[in-house]
Amino acid sequence: MFPSVMKAVQLIGHGGLDQLIYREDVPVPSPGVGEVLIEVSACGMNNTDVWVREGAYGSETDPSSISTWRRGRSTLAFPRIQGADTVGVVAAVGEGVPAGRIGERVIVDFSLYHRPEGDDSLADIDYIGHGRDGGYAEFTTVPAENAYPIDSDLDDAELATFCCAYLTGEHMLDRARLAAGERVLVTGASGGVGSAIIQLARARGAIPYAVTVPEKAEALTALGAEGVTFRGSGDLVEKVDAMTGGKPIDVVADLVAGRLFNDLLRILKMEGRYTTAGAIGGPVVQLDLRTMYLKQLALHGSSQGTRTAFRRVLGYIEQGRIKPLLERTFKLSDFHRAQTAFMAKHYVGKLVVVPDCKWDEIGARHAVD
């Protein structure tokens, strides 16, 4: 049997880290019809957690307004347990779910699709950790279809590095139709999504190039980047041209935007494709429409991914075609320190939170003193 209460981190409102409260008396949820209860062993951290806490999504008319991920149609209610990248074991099942699923080791597809199987529209998508409670807790419930059995020698903390970043990256590449042999330039390449895209591009036979900072170049080259260049000094267009030896860039996968945006469109070849799922350098950009239409460019916005993309990523994991980039783990009770380290960005890859009760079993081996 499992307990009636659990430890969890609750988001109680928009604002700073003080809006994240570690509690030891949160009721353990019961799985509803078509749901499973997961005993959480690890949960990865993502930028979306921070931006939702800060209410940093703005509105279509006021970029500086306080708004959550769904903007004017928010499904966020306080208190909310965030955490999208959940890995654990099925502890109980709701009505309509076979009892044989109890005991399965699972990785969670965090997307709430709201559409039937076969409909890949993401027009009304939501996600676990926003529209319902997520994995920064000892237990969580999810739709049974979102809990995928996983066959992998990776440990649970390593598995918790994949879901959000790799699904987001794979959908970006799907949107841009990146094909084998094409070249893709990745900005924000050392982060969770950027480092995922480098691996995912290689998995489909494409050639990734990275924009980063000097101290992260070696790690990205080892990960699979064909070349690395640095932002912040010199003409980025000239630097990318030198890096590729004059070979064209077919796709830009951009997670930075801000001042880089116009240069990235200049870098693209004629009929190139631009895809974005983030704007850590600034969401409001200057666009010269003449660059866009004279070069016949295609610009794609992207968020989360489809069931098909998730299953493809799951296959890559089980086949060993992509690897986890786990920088370090933190105890759930040390969540403020974990998110502070996450926001500082002095690492390549992902940070993962582990419930204290699982620390000796899962978290301690990846901790950094």
Protein backbone atom coordinates (compact mmCIF):
# COMPACT_ATOMS: atom_id res chain seq x y z
CA MET A 1 0.00 0.00 0.00
CA PHE A 2 1.04 3.58 -0.56
CA PRO A 3 0.53 6.44 1.93
CA SER A 4 -2.40 8.86 2.04
CA VAL A 5 -0.18 11.95 1.95
CA MET A 6 3.01 12.74 0.08
CA LYS A 7 5.82 15.24 -0.30
CA ALA A 8 5.52 17.62 -3.24
CA VAL A 9 6.50 21.07 -4.49
CA GLN A 10 3.48 23.27 -5.14
CA LEU A 11 3.40 26.44 -7.22
CA ILE A 12 1.03 28.78 -5.35
CA GLY A 13 1.13 31.81 -7.66
CA HIS A 14 3.11 33.77 -10.22
CA GLY A 15 6.37 35.32 -9.05
CA GLY A 16 9.74 34.34 -7.63
CA LEU A 17 11.05 31.18 -6.02
CA ASP A 18 9.02 32.01 -2.92
CA GLN A 19 5.95 30.87 -4.89
CA LEU A 20 7.29 27.31 -4.85
CA ILE A 21 6.45 25.59 -1.55
CA TYR A 22 7.78 22.19 -0.44
CA ARG A 23 5.08 20.40 1.51
CA GLU A 24 4.88 17.05 3.27
CA ASP A 25 1.09 16.81 3.63
CA VAL A 26 -0.24 16.83 0.07
CA PRO A 27 -2.92 14.16 -0.49
CA VAL A 28 -1.84 11.30 -2.73
CA PRO A 29 -4.10 11.51 -5.82
CA SER A 30 -6.35 8.65 -6.85
CA PRO A 31 -6.36 7.54 -10.48
CA GLY A 32 -9.62 8.29 -12.28
CA VAL A 33 -11.20 6.42 -15.15
CA GLY A 34 -8.55 5.59 -17.74
CA GLU A 35 -5.70 6.82 -15.52
CA VAL A 36 -2.73 5.35 -13.68
CA LEU A 37 -1.06 6.38 -10.44
CA ILE A 38 2.72 6.64 -10.80
CA GLU A 39 5.20 6.43 -7.94
CA VAL A 40 7.67 9.02 -9.17
CA SER A 41 11.37 8.23 -9.16
CA ALA A 42 12.71 11.22 -11.16
CA CYS A 43 11.47 14.34 -12.93
CA GLY A 44 13.45 16.59 -15.26
CA MET A 45 13.51 20.40 -15.15
CA ASN A 46 12.50 22.64 -18.06
CA ASN A 47 12.38 26.31 -19.02
CA THR A 48 8.60 26.11 -19.20
CA ASP A 49 8.47 25.53 -15.44
CA VAL A 50 10.24 28.84 -14.86
CA TRP A 51 8.30 30.84 -17.44
CA VAL A 52 4.96 29.59 -16.11
CA ARG A 53 6.00 30.47 -12.56
CA GLU A 54 6.99 33.96 -13.72
CA GLY A 55 3.88 34.35 -15.89
CA ALA A 56 6.30 35.29 -18.65
CA TYR A 57 4.28 34.44 -21.76
CA GLY A 58 2.65 37.83 -22.30
CA SER A 59 -0.30 38.31 -24.61
CA GLU A 60 -0.71 38.95 -28.31
CA THR A 61 -1.32 42.64 -27.56
CA ASP A 62 0.99 43.15 -24.57
CA PRO A 63 4.22 41.12 -24.55
CA SER A 64 5.02 42.26 -21.00
CA SER A 65 1.73 41.22 -19.39
CA ILE A 66 1.58 38.42 -16.80
CA SER A 67 0.29 35.35 -18.56
CA THR A 68 0.81 31.64 -18.41
CA TRP A 69 1.51 29.16 -21.19
CA ARG A 70 -2.06 29.07 -22.52
CA ARG A 71 -2.25 32.87 -22.43
CA GLY A 72 -5.92 33.94 -22.43
CA ARG A 73 -7.17 30.33 -22.22
CA SER A 74 -5.16 29.23 -19.22
CA THR A 75 -5.82 25.87 -17.61
CA LEU A 76 -3.39 26.63 -14.79
CA ALA A 77 -4.92 26.58 -11.31
CA PHE A 78 -3.10 27.18 -8.03
CA PRO A 79 -1.76 25.32 -6.21
CA ARG A 80 -0.22 23.36 -9.05
CA ILE A 81 2.45 20.65 -8.94
CA GLN A 82 4.67 21.27 -11.96
CA GLY A 83 7.05 18.79 -13.59
CA ALA A 84 6.67 17.34 -17.08
CA ASP A 85 9.50 14.81 -17.46
CA THR A 86 8.20 12.08 -15.18
CA VAL A 87 9.67 8.59 -14.82
CA GLY A 88 8.51 6.00 -12.31
CA VAL A 89 6.49 2.86 -11.66
CA VAL A 90 2.74 2.32 -12.01
CA ALA A 91 1.46 1.93 -8.45
CA ALA A 92 -2.29 1.70 -9.08
CA VAL A 93 -4.78 1.87 -11.94
CA GLY A 94 -8.16 3.49 -12.39
CA GLU A 95 -11.31 2.02 -13.88
CA GLY A 96 -10.83 0.67 -17.39
CA VAL A 97 -7.06 0.15 -17.07
CA PRO A 98 -5.76 -3.45 -16.84
CA ALA A 99 -4.43 -4.35 -13.39
CA GLY A 100 -1.50 -5.99 -15.15
CA ARG A 101 -0.01 -2.53 -15.68
CA ILE A 102 0.79 -2.27 -11.97
CA GLY A 103 4.54 -2.52 -11.52
CA GLU A 104 5.42 -1.28 -15.01
CA ARG A 105 8.40 1.03 -15.30
CA VAL A 106 7.16 3.97 -17.37
CA ILE A 107 8.20 7.22 -18.99
CA VAL A 108 5.46 9.83 -19.37
CA ASP A 109 4.50 11.65 -22.55
CA PHE A 110 3.72 15.00 -20.94
CA SER A 111 1.37 16.27 -23.68
CA LEU A 112 -2.39 16.38 -23.11
CA TYR A 113 -3.70 16.04 -26.65
CA HIS A 114 -7.49 16.46 -26.26
CA ARG A 115 -7.89 14.83 -29.67
CA PRO A 116 -8.29 11.19 -30.72
CA GLU A 117 -5.49 8.96 -31.87
CA GLY A 118 -4.58 9.80 -35.46
CA ASP A 119 -5.38 13.51 -35.18
CA ASP A 120 -2.00 15.24 -34.93
CA SER A 121 -3.35 18.78 -34.58
CA LEU A 122 -1.84 20.54 -31.56
CA ALA A 123 -4.27 23.48 -31.68
CA ASP A 124 -5.76 22.76 -28.25
CA ILE A 125 -2.86 20.93 -26.61
CA ASP A 126 -2.02 21.24 -22.90
CA TYR A 127 0.57 19.51 -20.74
CA ILE A 128 1.07 17.63 -17.50
CA GLY A 129 2.43 20.06 -14.93
CA HIS A 130 0.21 22.86 -16.23
CA GLY A 131 -3.31 21.64 -17.04
CA ARG A 132 -3.01 18.98 -14.33
CA ASP A 133 -0.47 18.11 -11.63
CA GLY A 134 2.90 16.77 -12.68
CA GLY A 135 5.95 14.99 -11.35
CA TYR A 136 7.54 17.23 -8.70
CA ALA A 137 6.03 14.92 -6.11
CA GLU A 138 6.24 11.38 -4.79
CA PHE A 139 3.12 10.34 -6.72
CA THR A 140 1.16 11.65 -9.70
CA THR A 141 -1.72 10.50 -11.88
CA VAL A 142 -1.68 10.63 -15.68
CA PRO A 143 -3.86 9.26 -18.49
CA ALA A 144 -2.89 5.64 -18.99
CA GLU A 145 -2.11 6.29 -22.67
CA ASN A 146 0.55 8.82 -21.62
CA ALA A 147 2.46 6.30 -19.48
CA TYR A 148 4.70 4.30 -21.82
CA PRO A 149 6.52 1.15 -20.66
CA ILE A 150 10.22 1.64 -21.26
CA ASP A 151 12.84 -1.02 -22.02
CA SER A 152 16.22 0.57 -21.36
CA ASP A 153 19.38 0.01 -19.34
CA LEU A 154 19.42 3.73 -18.46
CA ASP A 155 18.50 4.56 -14.88
CA ASP A 156 15.41 6.61 -14.05
CA ALA A 157 17.27 9.89 -13.56
CA GLU A 158 18.84 9.50 -17.01
CA LEU A 159 15.46 8.70 -18.56
CA ALA A 160 14.00 11.85 -17.02
CA THR A 161 16.25 13.99 -19.25
CA PHE A 162 14.45 13.06 -22.48
CA CYS A 163 10.74 13.74 -22.68
CA CYS A 164 10.06 17.47 -22.91
CA ALA A 165 13.33 18.51 -24.55
CA TYR A 166 13.53 15.71 -27.09
CA LEU A 167 9.83 15.74 -28.01
CA THR A 168 10.02 19.52 -28.47
CA GLY A 169 13.16 19.18 -30.59
CA GLU A 170 11.78 16.34 -32.71
CA HIS A 171 8.60 18.29 -33.45
CA MET A 172 10.67 21.34 -34.43
CA LEU A 173 12.54 19.22 -36.95
CA ASP A 174 9.29 17.66 -38.17
CA ARG A 175 7.79 21.12 -38.68
CA ALA A 176 10.87 22.20 -40.67
CA ARG A 177 10.94 18.90 -42.62
CA LEU A 178 14.63 18.38 -41.90
CA ALA A 179 15.86 15.60 -44.17
CA ALA A 180 18.95 13.40 -44.33
CA GLY A 181 21.96 15.25 -45.71
CA GLU A 182 20.61 18.71 -44.89
CA ARG A 183 22.38 21.18 -42.60
CA VAL A 184 20.71 22.63 -39.52
CA LEU A 185 22.03 25.49 -37.39
CA VAL A 186 21.03 25.19 -33.72
CA THR A 187 21.01 28.19 -31.37
CA GLY A 188 20.93 27.71 -27.60
CA ALA A 189 22.67 24.45 -28.42
CA SER A 190 23.87 23.65 -24.90
CA GLY A 191 20.40 23.66 -23.34
CA GLY A 192 18.03 20.73 -23.04
CA VAL A 193 16.23 21.25 -26.36
CA GLY A 194 19.29 22.47 -28.26
CA SER A 195 21.48 19.54 -27.24
CA ALA A 196 18.57 17.21 -28.04
CA ILE A 197 18.28 18.66 -31.56
CA ILE A 198 21.96 17.96 -32.24
CA GLN A 199 21.38 14.28 -31.48
CA LEU A 200 18.00 14.11 -33.20
CA ALA A 201 19.40 15.70 -36.35
CA ARG A 202 22.11 13.05 -36.45
CA ALA A 203 19.50 10.33 -35.88
CA ARG A 204 17.72 11.36 -39.10
CA GLY A 205 20.98 11.69 -41.05
CA ALA A 206 21.18 15.49 -41.05
CA ILE A 207 24.25 17.60 -40.20
CA PRO A 208 23.96 19.88 -37.12
CA TYR A 209 25.98 23.02 -36.41
CA ALA A 210 25.87 24.80 -33.05
CA VAL A 211 25.82 28.37 -31.81
CA THR A 212 26.98 28.53 -28.19
CA VAL A 213 29.62 30.01 -25.88
CA PRO A 214 33.31 28.99 -25.96
CA GLU A 215 33.30 26.99 -22.72
CA LYS A 216 30.62 24.63 -24.07
CA ALA A 217 32.09 24.04 -27.52
CA GLU A 218 33.99 20.85 -26.70
CA ALA A 219 30.94 19.17 -25.18
CA LEU A 220 28.78 19.99 -28.20
CA THR A 221 31.39 18.72 -30.63
CA ALA A 222 31.56 15.45 -28.68
CA LEU A 223 27.76 15.28 -28.82
CA GLY A 224 27.72 15.40 -32.61
CA ALA A 225 27.93 19.02 -33.75
CA GLU A 226 29.73 19.21 -37.10
CA GLY A 227 30.97 22.69 -36.19
CA VAL A 228 30.58 25.24 -33.41
CA THR A 229 30.60 29.02 -33.53
CA PHE A 230 30.12 31.62 -30.84
CA ARG A 231 27.59 34.36 -30.34
CA GLY A 232 28.31 37.85 -29.09
CA SER A 233 31.31 38.92 -31.18
CA GLY A 234 31.76 39.48 -34.90
CA ASP A 235 29.34 39.00 -37.77
CA LEU A 236 27.38 35.79 -37.16
CA VAL A 237 26.61 35.40 -40.86
CA GLU A 238 30.31 35.47 -41.73
CA LYS A 239 31.21 33.14 -38.87
CA VAL A 240 28.63 30.54 -39.89
CA ASP A 241 29.77 30.72 -43.50
CA ALA A 242 33.36 30.10 -42.39
CA MET A 243 32.27 27.26 -40.10
CA THR A 244 30.45 25.41 -42.90
CA GLY A 245 33.09 26.17 -45.53
CA GLY A 246 30.51 28.09 -47.53
CA LYS A 247 27.98 25.25 -47.56
CA PRO A 248 24.34 26.40 -47.21
CA ILE A 249 22.18 26.16 -44.10
CA ASP A 250 18.85 24.50 -44.94
CA VAL A 251 17.19 24.87 -41.53
CA VAL A 252 17.66 27.12 -38.50
CA ALA A 253 16.37 25.63 -35.22
CA ASP A 254 16.26 28.70 -32.99
CA LEU A 255 15.80 28.78 -29.22
CA VAL A 256 17.34 32.23 -28.63
CA ALA A 257 15.79 34.80 -31.02
CA GLY A 258 16.33 38.35 -29.66
CA ARG A 259 19.11 40.16 -31.51
CA LEU A 260 20.11 37.01 -33.37
CA PHE A 261 16.82 36.72 -35.24
CA ASN A 262 17.51 38.81 -38.33
CA ASP A 263 21.00 37.32 -38.77
CA LEU A 264 19.50 33.84 -38.63
CA LEU A 265 17.18 34.64 -41.53
CA ARG A 266 20.16 36.03 -43.44
CA ILE A 267 22.06 32.80 -42.80
CA LEU A 268 19.33 30.62 -44.29
CA LYS A 269 19.67 29.62 -47.93
CA MET A 270 17.01 30.51 -50.50
CA GLU A 271 13.83 28.57 -49.65
CA GLY A 272 15.28 27.76 -46.22
CA ARG A 273 13.16 26.94 -43.19
CA TYR A 274 13.21 28.55 -39.75
CA THR A 275 11.71 26.79 -36.72
CA THR A 276 11.46 28.01 -33.13
CA ALA A 277 10.18 26.76 -29.79
CA GLY A 278 11.72 29.36 -27.48
CA ALA A 279 13.20 32.82 -27.20
CA ILE A 280 15.61 32.98 -24.28
CA GLY A 281 17.37 35.96 -25.87
CA GLY A 282 14.14 37.95 -26.17
CA PRO A 283 10.71 37.14 -27.64
CA VAL A 284 10.12 40.47 -29.43
CA VAL A 285 12.24 40.69 -32.59
CA GLN A 286 12.69 42.88 -35.65
CA LEU A 287 11.69 41.25 -38.92
CA ASP A 288 12.44 42.69 -42.33
CA LEU A 289 9.67 41.07 -44.35
CA ARG A 290 11.67 41.63 -47.52
CA THR A 291 14.25 39.09 -46.29
CA MET A 292 11.45 36.63 -45.71
CA TYR A 293 9.61 36.98 -48.99
CA LEU A 294 12.53 37.63 -51.34
CA LYS A 295 14.29 34.50 -50.05
CA GLN A 296 11.04 32.45 -50.12
CA LEU A 297 11.57 31.48 -46.46
CA ALA A 298 9.22 29.38 -44.36
CA LEU A 299 8.88 30.29 -40.65
CA HIS A 300 7.47 27.71 -38.24
CA GLY A 301 6.36 28.09 -34.64
CA SER A 302 6.52 24.87 -32.65
CA SER A 303 5.54 23.73 -29.16
CA GLN A 304 5.60 20.23 -27.67
CA GLY A 305 4.97 17.45 -30.19
CA THR A 306 2.71 14.72 -31.48
CA ARG A 307 2.12 11.17 -30.29
CA THR A 308 3.97 10.00 -33.41
CA ALA A 309 7.01 12.13 -32.57
CA PHE A 310 7.04 10.88 -28.96
CA ARG A 311 6.98 7.25 -30.07
CA ARG A 312 9.83 7.94 -32.47
CA VAL A 313 11.88 9.46 -29.63
CA LEU A 314 11.02 6.47 -27.42
CA GLY A 315 12.34 4.19 -30.16
CA TYR A 316 15.57 6.19 -30.36
CA ILE A 317 16.02 5.77 -26.58
CA GLU A 318 15.43 2.03 -26.63
CA GLN A 319 17.71 1.58 -29.65
CA GLY A 320 20.48 3.64 -28.02
CA ARG A 321 20.51 6.17 -30.87
CA ILE A 322 20.29 9.14 -28.49
CA LYS A 323 21.93 9.45 -25.10
CA PRO A 324 20.99 11.26 -21.89
CA LEU A 325 22.79 14.46 -20.97
CA LEU A 326 22.31 14.44 -17.22
CA GLU A 327 24.37 17.17 -15.60
CA ARG A 328 23.29 16.48 -12.02
CA THR A 329 20.44 15.55 -9.69
CA PHE A 330 18.84 17.35 -6.75
CA LYS A 331 16.59 16.21 -3.93
CA LEU A 332 12.96 17.30 -4.23
CA SER A 333 13.30 19.01 -0.84
CA ASP A 334 16.14 21.10 -2.30
CA PHE A 335 13.98 22.41 -5.12
CA HIS A 336 14.84 26.10 -4.78
CA ARG A 337 18.53 25.35 -5.16
CA ALA A 338 17.77 23.10 -8.12
CA GLN A 339 15.82 25.76 -9.97
CA THR A 340 18.42 28.41 -9.14
CA ALA A 341 21.10 26.21 -10.70
CA PHE A 342 18.82 25.53 -13.65
CA MET A 343 18.30 29.25 -14.35
CA ALA A 344 22.06 29.96 -14.15
CA LYS A 345 22.65 27.73 -17.23
CA HIS A 346 26.26 26.86 -16.34
CA TYR A 347 25.99 23.35 -17.77
CA VAL A 348 25.19 21.32 -20.88
CA GLY A 349 22.07 19.16 -20.92
CA LYS A 350 19.57 18.63 -18.10
CA LEU A 351 19.03 18.80 -14.34
CA VAL A 352 16.75 16.25 -12.66
CA VAL A 353 14.86 16.25 -9.35
CA VAL A 354 14.51 13.04 -7.35
CA PRO A 355 12.12 12.47 -4.41
CA ASP A 356 14.07 12.28 -1.16
CA CYS A 357 12.78 8.76 -0.51
CA LYS A 358 14.42 7.64 -3.78
CA TRP A 359 17.66 9.57 -3.30
CA ASP A 360 19.96 6.77 -2.15
CA GLU A 361 18.59 4.44 -4.83
CA ILE A 362 18.54 6.83 -7.82
CA GLY A 363 19.68 10.38 -7.16
CA ALA A 364 22.91 10.16 -5.19
CA ARG A 365 25.02 8.67 -7.98
CA HIS A 366 24.43 11.75 -10.16
CA ALA A 367 24.75 14.41 -7.46
CA VAL A 368 27.49 17.02 -7.38
CA ASP A 369 28.78 18.26 -4.02
